[in-house]
Full PDB file with SEQRES, HELIX, SHEET, SSBOND, CRYST1, ORIGX, SCALE, CONECT and MASTER records, all heavy atoms in Angstrom:
SEQRES   1 A   30  LYS ILE ASP THR GLY MET GLY ARG TYR GLY PHE MET PRO          
SEQRES   2 A   30  SER GLN VAL GLU ASP ALA ILE LYS CYS TYR ASP PHE SER          
SEQRES   3 A   30  ASN LEU GLU PHE                                              
HELIX    1 AA1 PRO A   13  GLN A   15  5                                   3    
HELIX    2 AA2 VAL A   16  LYS A   21  1                                   6    
HELIX    3 AA3 CYS A   22  ASP A   24  5                                   3    
CRYST1    1.000    1.000    1.000  90.00  90.00  90.00 P 1           1          
ORIGX1      1.000000  0.000000  0.000000        0.00000                         
ORIGX2      0.000000  1.000000  0.000000        0.00000                         
ORIGX3      0.000000  0.000000  1.000000        0.00000                         
SCALE1      1.000000  0.000000  0.000000        0.00000                         
SCALE2      0.000000  1.000000  0.000000        0.00000                         
SCALE3      0.000000  0.000000  1.000000        0.00000                         
ATOM      1  N   LYS A   1     109.926 -96.626 199.425  1.00  0.00           N  
ATOM      2  CA  LYS A   1     110.045 -98.076 199.653  1.00  0.00           C  
ATOM      3  C   LYS A   1     111.341 -98.634 199.052  1.00  0.00           C  
ATOM      4  O   LYS A   1     111.563 -98.401 197.874  1.00  0.00           O  
ATOM      5  CB  LYS A   1     108.808 -98.848 199.161  1.00  0.00           C  
ATOM      6  CG  LYS A   1     108.922-100.315 199.250  1.00  0.00           C  
ATOM      7  CD  LYS A   1     108.737-100.737 200.785  1.00  0.00           C  
ATOM      8  CE  LYS A   1     108.804-102.226 200.949  1.00  0.00           C  
ATOM      9  NZ  LYS A   1     107.733-103.065 200.341  1.00  0.00           N  
ATOM     10  N   ILE A   2     112.191 -99.323 199.848  1.00  0.00           N  
ATOM     11  CA  ILE A   2     113.397 -99.973 199.400  1.00  0.00           C  
ATOM     12  C   ILE A   2     113.224-101.411 199.398  1.00  0.00           C  
ATOM     13  O   ILE A   2     112.859-102.009 200.407  1.00  0.00           O  
ATOM     14  CB  ILE A   2     114.587 -99.582 200.291  1.00  0.00           C  
ATOM     15  CG1 ILE A   2     114.678 -97.991 200.448  1.00  0.00           C  
ATOM     16  CG2 ILE A   2     115.865-100.132 199.748  1.00  0.00           C  
ATOM     17  CD1 ILE A   2     114.961 -97.276 199.123  1.00  0.00           C  
ATOM     18  N   ASP A   3     113.449-102.068 198.334  1.00  0.00           N  
ATOM     19  CA  ASP A   3     113.413-103.539 198.173  1.00  0.00           C  
ATOM     20  C   ASP A   3     114.761-104.122 198.521  1.00  0.00           C  
ATOM     21  O   ASP A   3     115.701-104.128 197.848  1.00  0.00           O  
ATOM     22  CB  ASP A   3     112.983-103.864 196.811  1.00  0.00           C  
ATOM     23  CG  ASP A   3     112.905-105.387 196.549  1.00  0.00           C  
ATOM     24  OD1 ASP A   3     112.984-106.169 197.589  1.00  0.00           O  
ATOM     25  OD2 ASP A   3     112.911-105.861 195.396  1.00  0.00           O  
ATOM     26  N   THR A   4     114.890-104.712 199.718  1.00  0.00           N  
ATOM     27  CA  THR A   4     116.097-105.330 200.171  1.00  0.00           C  
ATOM     28  C   THR A   4     116.109-106.819 200.029  1.00  0.00           C  
ATOM     29  O   THR A   4     117.007-107.522 200.549  1.00  0.00           O  
ATOM     30  CB  THR A   4     116.410-104.977 201.576  1.00  0.00           C  
ATOM     31  OG1 THR A   4     115.351-105.384 202.509  1.00  0.00           O  
ATOM     32  CG2 THR A   4     116.627-103.479 201.780  1.00  0.00           C  
ATOM     33  N   GLY A   5     115.019-107.389 199.349  1.00  0.00           N  
ATOM     34  CA  GLY A   5     115.084-108.804 199.142  1.00  0.00           C  
ATOM     35  C   GLY A   5     113.649-109.398 199.086  1.00  0.00           C  
ATOM     36  O   GLY A   5     113.630-110.644 198.913  1.00  0.00           O  
ATOM     37  N   MET A   6     112.618-108.718 199.353  1.00  0.00           N  
ATOM     38  CA  MET A   6     111.294-109.185 199.270  1.00  0.00           C  
ATOM     39  C   MET A   6     110.821-109.471 197.822  1.00  0.00           C  
ATOM     40  O   MET A   6     110.048-110.283 197.484  1.00  0.00           O  
ATOM     41  CB  MET A   6     110.303-108.222 199.974  1.00  0.00           C  
ATOM     42  CG  MET A   6     108.908-108.880 200.168  1.00  0.00           C  
ATOM     43  SD  MET A   6     108.923-110.228 201.369  1.00  0.00           S  
ATOM     44  CE  MET A   6     107.247-110.628 201.414  1.00  0.00           C  
ATOM     45  N   GLY A   7     111.446-108.589 196.919  1.00  0.00           N  
ATOM     46  CA  GLY A   7     111.141-108.749 195.510  1.00  0.00           C  
ATOM     47  C   GLY A   7     109.746-108.245 195.022  1.00  0.00           C  
ATOM     48  O   GLY A   7     109.376-108.690 193.931  1.00  0.00           O  
ATOM     49  N   ARG A   8     109.165-107.337 195.736  1.00  0.00           N  
ATOM     50  CA  ARG A   8     107.921-106.817 195.262  1.00  0.00           C  
ATOM     51  C   ARG A   8     108.121-105.265 195.037  1.00  0.00           C  
ATOM     52  O   ARG A   8     108.762-104.952 194.162  1.00  0.00           O  
ATOM     53  CB  ARG A   8     106.732-107.125 196.361  1.00  0.00           C  
ATOM     54  CG  ARG A   8     106.557-108.586 196.620  1.00  0.00           C  
ATOM     55  CD  ARG A   8     105.336-108.911 197.420  1.00  0.00           C  
ATOM     56  NE  ARG A   8     105.359-108.235 198.809  1.00  0.00           N  
ATOM     57  CZ  ARG A   8     104.710-108.614 199.781  1.00  0.00           C  
ATOM     58  NH1 ARG A   8     103.906-109.771 199.658  1.00  0.00           N  
ATOM     59  NH2 ARG A   8     104.703-108.100 200.890  1.00  0.00           N  
ATOM     60  N   TYR A   9     107.355-104.440 195.856  1.00  0.00           N  
ATOM     61  CA  TYR A   9     107.528-103.025 195.625  1.00  0.00           C  
ATOM     62  C   TYR A   9     108.966-102.543 196.044  1.00  0.00           C  
ATOM     63  O   TYR A   9     109.529-103.104 196.947  1.00  0.00           O  
ATOM     64  CB  TYR A   9     106.521-102.230 196.443  1.00  0.00           C  
ATOM     65  CG  TYR A   9     105.146-102.629 196.255  1.00  0.00           C  
ATOM     66  CD1 TYR A   9     104.296-103.022 197.298  1.00  0.00           C  
ATOM     67  CD2 TYR A   9     104.437-102.634 194.996  1.00  0.00           C  
ATOM     68  CE1 TYR A   9     102.955-103.375 197.211  1.00  0.00           C  
ATOM     69  CE2 TYR A   9     103.129-102.933 194.783  1.00  0.00           C  
ATOM     70  CZ  TYR A   9     102.373-103.326 195.873  1.00  0.00           C  
ATOM     71  OH  TYR A   9     101.073-103.648 195.719  1.00  0.00           O  
ATOM     72  N   GLY A  10     109.405-101.486 195.445  1.00  0.00           N  
ATOM     73  CA  GLY A  10     110.551-100.829 196.001  1.00  0.00           C  
ATOM     74  C   GLY A  10     111.713-100.675 195.055  1.00  0.00           C  
ATOM     75  O   GLY A  10     111.908-101.475 194.174  1.00  0.00           O  
ATOM     76  N   PHE A  11     112.558 -99.667 195.360  1.00  0.00           N  
ATOM     77  CA  PHE A  11     113.852 -99.395 194.677  1.00  0.00           C  
ATOM     78  C   PHE A  11     114.847-100.488 195.212  1.00  0.00           C  
ATOM     79  O   PHE A  11     115.061-100.635 196.410  1.00  0.00           O  
ATOM     80  CB  PHE A  11     114.398 -98.089 194.869  1.00  0.00           C  
ATOM     81  CG  PHE A  11     113.489 -97.012 194.277  1.00  0.00           C  
ATOM     82  CD1 PHE A  11     112.523 -96.330 194.938  1.00  0.00           C  
ATOM     83  CD2 PHE A  11     113.757 -96.582 192.892  1.00  0.00           C  
ATOM     84  CE1 PHE A  11     111.741 -95.298 194.434  1.00  0.00           C  
ATOM     85  CE2 PHE A  11     112.972 -95.586 192.349  1.00  0.00           C  
ATOM     86  CZ  PHE A  11     112.010 -94.994 193.113  1.00  0.00           C  
ATOM     87  N   MET A  12     115.488-101.168 194.256  1.00  0.00           N  
ATOM     88  CA  MET A  12     116.604-102.028 194.742  1.00  0.00           C  
ATOM     89  C   MET A  12     117.783-101.174 195.102  1.00  0.00           C  
ATOM     90  O   MET A  12     117.891 -99.968 194.646  1.00  0.00           O  
ATOM     91  CB  MET A  12     116.999-102.956 193.522  1.00  0.00           C  
ATOM     92  CG  MET A  12     115.946-104.054 193.292  1.00  0.00           C  
ATOM     93  SD  MET A  12     116.436-105.148 191.961  1.00  0.00           S  
ATOM     94  CE  MET A  12     116.534-104.046 190.594  1.00  0.00           C  
ATOM     95  N   PRO A  13     118.674-101.611 195.976  1.00  0.00           N  
ATOM     96  CA  PRO A  13     119.832-100.748 196.304  1.00  0.00           C  
ATOM     97  C   PRO A  13     120.634-100.291 195.182  1.00  0.00           C  
ATOM     98  O   PRO A  13     121.122 -99.122 195.221  1.00  0.00           O  
ATOM     99  CB  PRO A  13     120.654-101.708 197.246  1.00  0.00           C  
ATOM    100  CG  PRO A  13     119.638-102.597 197.803  1.00  0.00           C  
ATOM    101  CD  PRO A  13     118.603-102.858 196.830  1.00  0.00           C  
ATOM    102  N   SER A  14     120.629-101.060 194.080  1.00  0.00           N  
ATOM    103  CA  SER A  14     121.473-100.575 192.935  1.00  0.00           C  
ATOM    104  C   SER A  14     120.730 -99.401 192.149  1.00  0.00           C  
ATOM    105  O   SER A  14     121.321 -98.762 191.368  1.00  0.00           O  
ATOM    106  CB  SER A  14     121.564-101.789 191.949  1.00  0.00           C  
ATOM    107  OG  SER A  14     120.348-102.231 191.522  1.00  0.00           O  
ATOM    108  N   GLN A  15     119.475 -99.139 192.607  1.00  0.00           N  
ATOM    109  CA  GLN A  15     118.703 -98.051 191.999  1.00  0.00           C  
ATOM    110  C   GLN A  15     118.586 -96.840 192.831  1.00  0.00           C  
ATOM    111  O   GLN A  15     117.704 -95.967 192.701  1.00  0.00           O  
ATOM    112  CB  GLN A  15     117.277 -98.570 191.712  1.00  0.00           C  
ATOM    113  CG  GLN A  15     117.223 -99.727 190.683  1.00  0.00           C  
ATOM    114  CD  GLN A  15     115.806-100.260 190.561  1.00  0.00           C  
ATOM    115  OE1 GLN A  15     115.149-100.541 191.583  1.00  0.00           O  
ATOM    116  NE2 GLN A  15     115.325-100.420 189.325  1.00  0.00           N  
ATOM    117  N   VAL A  16     119.523 -96.672 193.780  1.00  0.00           N  
ATOM    118  CA  VAL A  16     119.491 -95.578 194.746  1.00  0.00           C  
ATOM    119  C   VAL A  16     119.483 -94.179 194.021  1.00  0.00           C  
ATOM    120  O   VAL A  16     118.840 -93.257 194.600  1.00  0.00           O  
ATOM    121  CB  VAL A  16     120.638 -95.645 195.686  1.00  0.00           C  
ATOM    122  CG1 VAL A  16     121.959 -95.467 195.014  1.00  0.00           C  
ATOM    123  CG2 VAL A  16     120.456 -94.704 196.861  1.00  0.00           C  
ATOM    124  N   GLU A  17     120.140 -94.117 192.895  1.00  0.00           N  
ATOM    125  CA  GLU A  17     120.113 -92.813 192.151  1.00  0.00           C  
ATOM    126  C   GLU A  17     118.770 -92.413 191.692  1.00  0.00           C  
ATOM    127  O   GLU A  17     118.286 -91.276 191.769  1.00  0.00           O  
ATOM    128  CB  GLU A  17     121.089 -92.860 190.991  1.00  0.00           C  
ATOM    129  CG  GLU A  17     122.583 -92.901 191.475  1.00  0.00           C  
ATOM    130  CD  GLU A  17     123.460 -92.829 190.168  1.00  0.00           C  
ATOM    131  OE1 GLU A  17     123.058 -92.703 189.120  1.00  0.00           O  
ATOM    132  OE2 GLU A  17     124.718 -92.874 190.431  1.00  0.00           O  
ATOM    133  N   ASP A  18     117.996 -93.406 191.269  1.00  0.00           N  
ATOM    134  CA  ASP A  18     116.511 -93.229 190.735  1.00  0.00           C  
ATOM    135  C   ASP A  18     115.773 -92.841 191.970  1.00  0.00           C  
ATOM    136  O   ASP A  18     114.857 -91.929 191.981  1.00  0.00           O  
ATOM    137  CB  ASP A  18     115.983 -94.404 190.161  1.00  0.00           C  
ATOM    138  CG  ASP A  18     116.455 -94.506 188.755  1.00  0.00           C  
ATOM    139  OD1 ASP A  18     116.928 -93.555 188.160  1.00  0.00           O  
ATOM    140  OD2 ASP A  18     116.285 -95.621 188.196  1.00  0.00           O  
ATOM    141  N   ALA A  19     115.967 -93.514 193.215  1.00  0.00           N  
ATOM    142  CA  ALA A  19     115.228 -93.179 194.438  1.00  0.00           C  
ATOM    143  C   ALA A  19     115.496 -91.758 194.798  1.00  0.00           C  
ATOM    144  O   ALA A  19     114.584 -91.068 195.290  1.00  0.00           O  
ATOM    145  CB  ALA A  19     115.796 -94.131 195.496  1.00  0.00           C  
ATOM    146  N   ILE A  20     116.720 -91.312 194.714  1.00  0.00           N  
ATOM    147  CA  ILE A  20     117.013 -89.884 195.120  1.00  0.00           C  
ATOM    148  C   ILE A  20     116.258 -88.905 194.263  1.00  0.00           C  
ATOM    149  O   ILE A  20     115.865 -87.834 194.724  1.00  0.00           O  
ATOM    150  CB  ILE A  20     118.548 -89.672 195.010  1.00  0.00           C  
ATOM    151  CG1 ILE A  20     119.312 -90.516 196.104  1.00  0.00           C  
ATOM    152  CG2 ILE A  20     118.931 -88.176 195.102  1.00  0.00           C  
ATOM    153  CD1 ILE A  20     120.837 -90.591 195.975  1.00  0.00           C  
ATOM    154  N   LYS A  21     116.083 -89.263 193.049  1.00  0.00           N  
ATOM    155  CA  LYS A  21     115.282 -88.320 192.123  1.00  0.00           C  
ATOM    156  C   LYS A  21     113.938 -88.055 192.556  1.00  0.00           C  
ATOM    157  O   LYS A  21     113.312 -87.000 192.298  1.00  0.00           O  
ATOM    158  CB  LYS A  21     115.304 -88.972 190.661  1.00  0.00           C  
ATOM    159  CG  LYS A  21     116.621 -89.034 189.981  1.00  0.00           C  
ATOM    160  CD  LYS A  21     116.506 -89.652 188.612  1.00  0.00           C  
ATOM    161  CE  LYS A  21     117.833 -89.843 187.955  1.00  0.00           C  
ATOM    162  NZ  LYS A  21     117.785 -90.472 186.661  1.00  0.00           N  
ATOM    163  N   CYS A  22     113.273 -89.067 193.262  1.00  0.00           N  
ATOM    164  CA  CYS A  22     111.941 -88.871 193.743  1.00  0.00           C  
ATOM    165  C   CYS A  22     111.768 -87.671 194.624  1.00  0.00           C  
ATOM    166  O   CYS A  22     110.701 -87.054 194.732  1.00  0.00           O  
ATOM    167  CB  CYS A  22     111.444 -90.093 194.473  1.00  0.00           C  
ATOM    168  SG  CYS A  22     111.365 -91.579 193.473  1.00  0.00           S  
ATOM    169  N   TYR A  23     112.803 -87.304 195.301  1.00  0.00           N  
ATOM    170  CA  TYR A  23     112.783 -86.163 196.393  1.00  0.00           C  
ATOM    171  C   TYR A  23     112.566 -84.824 195.610  1.00  0.00           C  
ATOM    172  O   TYR A  23     112.313 -83.864 196.226  1.00  0.00           O  
ATOM    173  CB  TYR A  23     113.949 -86.189 197.184  1.00  0.00           C  
ATOM    174  CG  TYR A  23     113.885 -87.362 198.156  1.00  0.00           C  
ATOM    175  CD1 TYR A  23     114.355 -88.659 197.794  1.00  0.00           C  
ATOM    176  CD2 TYR A  23     113.538 -87.244 199.409  1.00  0.00           C  
ATOM    177  CE1 TYR A  23     114.446 -89.756 198.620  1.00  0.00           C  
ATOM    178  CE2 TYR A  23     113.474 -88.291 200.374  1.00  0.00           C  
ATOM    179  CZ  TYR A  23     113.926 -89.560 199.948  1.00  0.00           C  
ATOM    180  OH  TYR A  23     113.865 -90.550 200.798  1.00  0.00           O  
ATOM    181  N   ASP A  24     112.744 -84.806 194.330  1.00  0.00           N  
ATOM    182  CA  ASP A  24     112.793 -83.532 193.613  1.00  0.00           C  
ATOM    183  C   ASP A  24     111.370 -83.176 193.052  1.00  0.00           C  
ATOM    184  O   ASP A  24     111.164 -82.205 192.373  1.00  0.00           O  
ATOM    185  CB  ASP A  24     113.815 -83.511 192.501  1.00  0.00           C  
ATOM    186  CG  ASP A  24     115.233 -83.582 193.030  1.00  0.00           C  
ATOM    187  OD1 ASP A  24     115.489 -83.055 194.143  1.00  0.00           O  
ATOM    188  OD2 ASP A  24     116.042 -84.228 192.326  1.00  0.00           O  
ATOM    189  N   PHE A  25     110.441 -84.126 193.162  1.00  0.00           N  
ATOM    190  CA  PHE A  25     109.063 -83.825 192.653  1.00  0.00           C  
ATOM    191  C   PHE A  25     108.392 -82.871 193.592  1.00  0.00           C  
ATOM    192  O   PHE A  25     108.257 -83.017 194.731  1.00  0.00           O  
ATOM    193  CB  PHE A  25     108.236 -85.089 192.601  1.00  0.00           C  
ATOM    194  CG  PHE A  25     108.639 -86.058 191.436  1.00  0.00           C  
ATOM    195  CD1 PHE A  25     109.504 -87.137 191.614  1.00  0.00           C  
ATOM    196  CD2 PHE A  25     108.061 -85.805 190.207  1.00  0.00           C  
ATOM    197  CE1 PHE A  25     109.881 -87.978 190.529  1.00  0.00           C  
ATOM    198  CE2 PHE A  25     108.496 -86.677 189.108  1.00  0.00           C  
ATOM    199  CZ  PHE A  25     109.293 -87.735 189.336  1.00  0.00           C  
ATOM    200  N   SER A  26     107.873 -81.762 192.990  1.00  0.00           N  
ATOM    201  CA  SER A  26     107.374 -80.614 193.737  1.00  0.00           C  
ATOM    202  C   SER A  26     106.189 -80.910 194.484  1.00  0.00           C  
ATOM    203  O   SER A  26     105.808 -80.216 195.568  1.00  0.00           O  
ATOM    204  CB  SER A  26     107.194 -79.413 192.813  1.00  0.00           C  
ATOM    205  OG  SER A  26     106.210 -79.751 191.750  1.00  0.00           O  
ATOM    206  N   ASN A  27     105.396 -81.871 194.102  1.00  0.00           N  
ATOM    207  CA  ASN A  27     104.060 -82.135 194.772  1.00  0.00           C  
ATOM    208  C   ASN A  27     104.109 -83.308 195.751  1.00  0.00           C  
ATOM    209  O   ASN A  27     103.145 -83.777 196.181  1.00  0.00           O  
ATOM    210  CB  ASN A  27     102.929 -82.290 193.823  1.00  0.00           C  
ATOM    211  CG  ASN A  27     102.523 -81.056 193.141  1.00  0.00           C  
ATOM    212  OD1 ASN A  27     103.173 -80.670 192.043  1.00  0.00           O  
ATOM    213  ND2 ASN A  27     101.734 -80.228 193.672  1.00  0.00           N  
ATOM    214  N   LEU A  28     105.320 -83.837 195.987  1.00  0.00           N  
ATOM    215  CA  LEU A  28     105.564 -84.905 196.905  1.00  0.00           C  
ATOM    216  C   LEU A  28     106.371 -84.452 198.077  1.00  0.00           C  
ATOM    217  O   LEU A  28     107.333 -83.734 197.931  1.00  0.00           O  
ATOM    218  CB  LEU A  28     106.185 -86.094 196.141  1.00  0.00           C  
ATOM    219  CG  LEU A  28     105.544 -86.707 194.941  1.00  0.00           C  
ATOM    220  CD1 LEU A  28     106.361 -87.866 194.372  1.00  0.00           C  
ATOM    221  CD2 LEU A  28     104.130 -87.043 195.183  1.00  0.00           C  
ATOM    222  N   GLU A  29     105.990 -84.861 199.268  1.00  0.00           N  
ATOM    223  CA  GLU A  29     106.706 -84.585 200.502  1.00  0.00           C  
ATOM    224  C   GLU A  29     107.128 -85.834 201.106  1.00  0.00           C  
ATOM    225  O   GLU A  29     106.326 -86.623 201.700  1.00  0.00           O  
ATOM    226  CB  GLU A  29     105.807 -83.619 201.466  1.00  0.00           C  
ATOM    227  CG  GLU A  29     106.659 -83.377 202.676  1.00  0.00           C  
ATOM    228  CD  GLU A  29     105.703 -82.678 203.711  1.00  0.00           C  
ATOM    229  OE1 GLU A  29     104.511 -82.480 203.449  1.00  0.00           O  
ATOM    230  OE2 GLU A  29     106.251 -82.324 204.874  1.00  0.00           O  
ATOM    231  N   PHE A  30     108.359 -86.245 201.074  1.00  0.00           N  
ATOM    232  CA  PHE A  30     108.872 -87.476 201.685  1.00  0.00           C  
ATOM    233  C   PHE A  30     109.091 -87.276 203.111  1.00  0.00           C  
ATOM    234  O   PHE A  30     109.890 -86.501 203.631  1.00  0.00           O  
ATOM    235  CB  PHE A  30     110.135 -87.968 200.960  1.00  0.00           C  
ATOM    236  CG  PHE A  30     109.801 -88.539 199.613  1.00  0.00           C  
ATOM    237  CD1 PHE A  30     109.744 -87.786 198.506  1.00  0.00           C  
ATOM    238  CD2 PHE A  30     109.516 -90.004 199.552  1.00  0.00           C  
ATOM    239  CE1 PHE A  30     109.354 -88.382 197.206  1.00  0.00           C  
ATOM    240  CE2 PHE A  30     109.193 -90.534 198.182  1.00  0.00           C  
ATOM    241  CZ  PHE A  30     109.157 -89.742 197.137  1.00  0.00           C  
TER     242      PHE A  30                                                      
MASTER        0    0    0    3    0    0    0    6  241    1    0    3          
END                                                                             
């Protein structure tokens, strides 16, 4: 989930590096 202005759930665009880290969790399939 990317937060582009709703202000609730999601990574803000400035947090894209943290968002990318999520893809490395072994038990999650994006």
